[in-house]
N, C-alpha and C. Protein backbone atom coordinates (compact mmCIF):
# COMPACT_ATOMS: atom_id res chain seq x y z
N MET A 1 -38.84 10.15 64.03
CA MET A 1 -39.68 8.97 64.06
C MET A 1 -40.79 9.13 63.03
N ALA A 2 -41.42 8.02 62.69
CA ALA A 2 -42.48 8.02 61.69
C ALA A 2 -43.74 8.67 62.22
N ASP A 3 -43.96 8.62 63.53
CA ASP A 3 -45.19 9.20 64.09
C ASP A 3 -45.08 10.70 64.36
N GLY A 4 -43.92 11.28 64.06
CA GLY A 4 -43.76 12.72 64.22
C GLY A 4 -43.31 13.14 65.61
N SER A 5 -43.08 12.22 66.51
CA SER A 5 -42.70 12.59 67.87
C SER A 5 -41.34 13.28 67.92
N ALA A 6 -40.44 12.94 67.01
CA ALA A 6 -39.13 13.58 66.99
C ALA A 6 -39.26 15.06 66.66
N SER A 7 -40.12 15.38 65.70
CA SER A 7 -40.28 16.79 65.35
C SER A 7 -40.96 17.56 66.47
N VAL A 8 -41.90 16.95 67.16
CA VAL A 8 -42.54 17.60 68.30
C VAL A 8 -41.51 17.82 69.40
N GLU A 9 -40.68 16.83 69.62
CA GLU A 9 -39.63 16.94 70.62
C GLU A 9 -38.67 18.06 70.26
N GLY A 10 -38.30 18.16 68.98
CA GLY A 10 -37.42 19.22 68.51
C GLY A 10 -38.04 20.60 68.69
N VAL A 11 -39.32 20.71 68.39
CA VAL A 11 -40.03 21.98 68.57
C VAL A 11 -40.08 22.33 70.05
N THR A 12 -40.33 21.33 70.88
CA THR A 12 -40.37 21.56 72.32
C THR A 12 -39.02 22.04 72.82
N THR A 13 -37.95 21.43 72.32
CA THR A 13 -36.61 21.85 72.71
C THR A 13 -36.34 23.28 72.26
N ILE A 14 -36.74 23.61 71.03
CA ILE A 14 -36.55 24.97 70.53
C ILE A 14 -37.36 25.95 71.37
N ALA A 15 -38.60 25.60 71.68
CA ALA A 15 -39.44 26.47 72.50
C ALA A 15 -38.84 26.65 73.89
N ALA A 16 -38.33 25.57 74.46
CA ALA A 16 -37.72 25.65 75.79
C ALA A 16 -36.46 26.51 75.75
N ASP A 17 -35.68 26.38 74.69
CA ASP A 17 -34.48 27.20 74.55
C ASP A 17 -34.84 28.67 74.42
N ARG A 18 -35.86 28.95 73.65
CA ARG A 18 -36.32 30.33 73.45
C ARG A 18 -36.83 30.90 74.77
N LEU A 19 -37.61 30.11 75.49
CA LEU A 19 -38.13 30.52 76.79
C LEU A 19 -36.98 30.80 77.76
N ARG A 20 -36.01 29.89 77.79
CA ARG A 20 -34.85 30.06 78.68
C ARG A 20 -34.11 31.36 78.33
N SER A 21 -34.00 31.65 77.04
CA SER A 21 -33.34 32.87 76.58
C SER A 21 -34.06 34.11 77.10
N PHE A 22 -35.40 34.12 76.99
CA PHE A 22 -36.17 35.25 77.51
C PHE A 22 -35.95 35.43 79.01
N ILE A 23 -36.02 34.34 79.74
CA ILE A 23 -35.88 34.40 81.20
C ILE A 23 -34.50 34.90 81.58
N GLU A 24 -33.47 34.41 80.92
CA GLU A 24 -32.11 34.84 81.24
C GLU A 24 -31.90 36.31 80.91
N ARG A 25 -32.50 36.79 79.82
CA ARG A 25 -32.40 38.21 79.48
C ARG A 25 -33.07 39.07 80.54
N VAL A 26 -34.25 38.64 80.98
CA VAL A 26 -34.96 39.39 82.02
C VAL A 26 -34.14 39.40 83.31
N GLU A 27 -33.56 38.26 83.65
CA GLU A 27 -32.74 38.19 84.87
C GLU A 27 -31.55 39.15 84.79
N ARG A 28 -30.89 39.21 83.63
CA ARG A 28 -29.77 40.15 83.48
C ARG A 28 -30.25 41.59 83.60
N LEU A 29 -31.39 41.89 83.00
CA LEU A 29 -31.93 43.25 83.10
C LEU A 29 -32.32 43.59 84.53
N GLU A 30 -32.86 42.61 85.26
CA GLU A 30 -33.19 42.85 86.68
C GLU A 30 -31.93 43.16 87.48
N GLU A 31 -30.83 42.47 87.18
CA GLU A 31 -29.56 42.76 87.86
C GLU A 31 -29.09 44.17 87.52
N ASP A 32 -29.19 44.54 86.23
CA ASP A 32 -28.81 45.89 85.82
C ASP A 32 -29.68 46.93 86.51
N LYS A 33 -30.98 46.65 86.60
CA LYS A 33 -31.91 47.57 87.24
C LYS A 33 -31.55 47.77 88.71
N ALA A 34 -31.19 46.68 89.39
CA ALA A 34 -30.81 46.77 90.80
C ALA A 34 -29.56 47.64 90.96
N ALA A 35 -28.61 47.47 90.05
CA ALA A 35 -27.38 48.27 90.11
C ALA A 35 -27.69 49.74 89.86
N ILE A 36 -28.56 50.02 88.91
CA ILE A 36 -28.93 51.40 88.62
C ILE A 36 -29.67 52.02 89.80
N MET A 37 -30.58 51.26 90.40
CA MET A 37 -31.31 51.77 91.58
C MET A 37 -30.34 52.11 92.71
N ASN A 38 -29.32 51.28 92.88
CA ASN A 38 -28.31 51.55 93.89
C ASN A 38 -27.54 52.83 93.56
N ASP A 39 -27.21 53.03 92.28
CA ASP A 39 -26.52 54.25 91.85
C ASP A 39 -27.37 55.48 92.13
N ILE A 40 -28.66 55.39 91.85
CA ILE A 40 -29.57 56.51 92.10
C ILE A 40 -29.62 56.81 93.60
N LYS A 41 -29.69 55.77 94.40
CA LYS A 41 -29.71 55.94 95.86
C LYS A 41 -28.44 56.66 96.33
N GLU A 42 -27.31 56.31 95.74
CA GLU A 42 -26.05 56.95 96.11
C GLU A 42 -26.04 58.43 95.71
N VAL A 43 -26.62 58.75 94.55
CA VAL A 43 -26.68 60.15 94.12
C VAL A 43 -27.53 60.97 95.09
N TYR A 44 -28.68 60.41 95.49
CA TYR A 44 -29.53 61.11 96.46
C TYR A 44 -28.80 61.28 97.80
N ALA A 45 -28.06 60.26 98.22
CA ALA A 45 -27.31 60.36 99.47
C ALA A 45 -26.24 61.45 99.37
N GLU A 46 -25.58 61.53 98.23
CA GLU A 46 -24.58 62.57 98.01
C GLU A 46 -25.21 63.95 98.04
N ALA A 47 -26.36 64.08 97.37
CA ALA A 47 -27.07 65.37 97.37
C ALA A 47 -27.48 65.75 98.78
N LYS A 48 -27.96 64.77 99.55
CA LYS A 48 -28.36 65.03 100.94
C LYS A 48 -27.16 65.49 101.76
N SER A 49 -26.01 64.86 101.55
CA SER A 49 -24.83 65.25 102.32
C SER A 49 -24.35 66.65 101.94
N ASP A 50 -24.73 67.12 100.76
CA ASP A 50 -24.41 68.49 100.35
C ASP A 50 -25.47 69.48 100.80
N GLY A 51 -26.48 69.00 101.52
CA GLY A 51 -27.49 69.90 102.08
C GLY A 51 -28.78 70.02 101.29
N TYR A 52 -28.93 69.24 100.23
CA TYR A 52 -30.16 69.30 99.44
C TYR A 52 -31.23 68.42 100.07
N ASP A 53 -32.48 68.85 99.92
CA ASP A 53 -33.62 68.10 100.44
C ASP A 53 -33.99 67.02 99.41
N VAL A 54 -33.82 65.77 99.79
CA VAL A 54 -34.03 64.65 98.87
C VAL A 54 -35.48 64.54 98.44
N LYS A 55 -36.40 64.81 99.34
CA LYS A 55 -37.83 64.73 98.99
C LYS A 55 -38.15 65.73 97.87
N THR A 56 -37.60 66.92 97.98
CA THR A 56 -37.82 67.94 96.96
C THR A 56 -37.13 67.56 95.65
N LEU A 57 -35.94 67.00 95.73
CA LEU A 57 -35.24 66.54 94.53
C LEU A 57 -36.06 65.48 93.80
N ARG A 58 -36.61 64.54 94.55
CA ARG A 58 -37.44 63.49 93.94
C ARG A 58 -38.66 64.10 93.24
N GLN A 59 -39.25 65.11 93.86
CA GLN A 59 -40.41 65.79 93.28
C GLN A 59 -40.02 66.49 91.98
N VAL A 60 -38.85 67.13 91.97
CA VAL A 60 -38.38 67.82 90.76
C VAL A 60 -38.16 66.80 89.64
N VAL A 61 -37.56 65.67 89.96
CA VAL A 61 -37.34 64.62 88.96
C VAL A 61 -38.68 64.14 88.40
N LYS A 62 -39.64 63.94 89.28
CA LYS A 62 -40.98 63.49 88.87
C LYS A 62 -41.64 64.51 87.94
N ILE A 63 -41.55 65.78 88.31
CA ILE A 63 -42.16 66.85 87.51
C ILE A 63 -41.49 66.96 86.14
N ARG A 64 -40.16 66.83 86.11
CA ARG A 64 -39.44 66.95 84.84
C ARG A 64 -39.77 65.81 83.88
N LYS A 65 -40.21 64.68 84.40
CA LYS A 65 -40.60 63.55 83.55
C LYS A 65 -41.94 63.79 82.87
N MET A 66 -42.75 64.67 83.44
CA MET A 66 -44.10 64.89 82.94
C MET A 66 -44.10 65.73 81.67
N GLU A 67 -45.11 65.50 80.85
CA GLU A 67 -45.35 66.36 79.69
C GLU A 67 -45.76 67.73 80.22
N THR A 68 -45.42 68.78 79.48
CA THR A 68 -45.71 70.14 79.90
C THR A 68 -47.21 70.35 80.16
N ALA A 69 -48.04 69.88 79.25
CA ALA A 69 -49.50 70.05 79.40
C ALA A 69 -50.01 69.33 80.64
N ASP A 70 -49.51 68.13 80.90
CA ASP A 70 -49.94 67.38 82.08
C ASP A 70 -49.51 68.09 83.36
N ARG A 71 -48.28 68.61 83.35
CA ARG A 71 -47.78 69.32 84.53
C ARG A 71 -48.60 70.57 84.78
N GLN A 72 -48.91 71.31 83.72
CA GLN A 72 -49.70 72.54 83.87
C GLN A 72 -51.10 72.22 84.38
N GLU A 73 -51.68 71.14 83.88
CA GLU A 73 -53.01 70.74 84.34
C GLU A 73 -52.98 70.38 85.83
N GLN A 74 -51.96 69.63 86.22
CA GLN A 74 -51.84 69.24 87.62
C GLN A 74 -51.64 70.47 88.51
N GLU A 75 -50.80 71.41 88.08
CA GLU A 75 -50.57 72.63 88.85
C GLU A 75 -51.85 73.46 88.96
N ALA A 76 -52.63 73.51 87.87
CA ALA A 76 -53.88 74.27 87.89
C ALA A 76 -54.88 73.64 88.86
N MET A 77 -54.96 72.32 88.85
CA MET A 77 -55.87 71.63 89.77
C MET A 77 -55.44 71.83 91.22
N LEU A 78 -54.16 71.76 91.47
CA LEU A 78 -53.64 71.98 92.82
C LEU A 78 -53.97 73.40 93.28
N ASP A 79 -53.76 74.35 92.39
CA ASP A 79 -54.10 75.75 92.69
C ASP A 79 -55.59 75.91 92.99
N LEU A 80 -56.42 75.29 92.17
CA LEU A 80 -57.87 75.35 92.36
C LEU A 80 -58.27 74.79 93.71
N TYR A 81 -57.74 73.64 94.06
CA TYR A 81 -58.08 73.00 95.33
C TYR A 81 -57.60 73.83 96.52
N LEU A 82 -56.39 74.36 96.43
CA LEU A 82 -55.87 75.18 97.52
C LEU A 82 -56.69 76.46 97.68
N THR A 83 -57.08 77.05 96.56
CA THR A 83 -57.92 78.26 96.60
C THR A 83 -59.27 77.94 97.23
N ALA A 84 -59.84 76.81 96.86
CA ALA A 84 -61.13 76.40 97.43
C ALA A 84 -61.03 76.20 98.94
N LEU A 85 -59.87 75.79 99.40
CA LEU A 85 -59.67 75.58 100.84
C LEU A 85 -59.20 76.86 101.54
N GLY A 86 -59.03 77.93 100.76
CA GLY A 86 -58.59 79.19 101.34
C GLY A 86 -57.13 79.19 101.72
N GLU A 87 -56.33 78.36 101.08
CA GLU A 87 -54.92 78.25 101.44
C GLU A 87 -53.99 78.73 100.35
N ALA A 88 -54.53 79.36 99.33
CA ALA A 88 -53.66 79.83 98.24
C ALA A 88 -53.40 81.31 98.37
């Protein structure tokens, strides 16, 4: 149109399509995430059935994700606090 409404409408359509694309990608990733979380749950259940302590396994996974310096700092602080309480 001469007043530019057609181009605004086209931009709006493009923006809406782009927005829809982002939302659909996030939805697919959320589905993938749910499937992965279920797989992780099954691995922990299998480990538990083999006699492993799941709480300890989760702690090991958490520790392995940490940077070495951060882990050492956390261990030092834990040691300090336990010593202060007379439990080390």
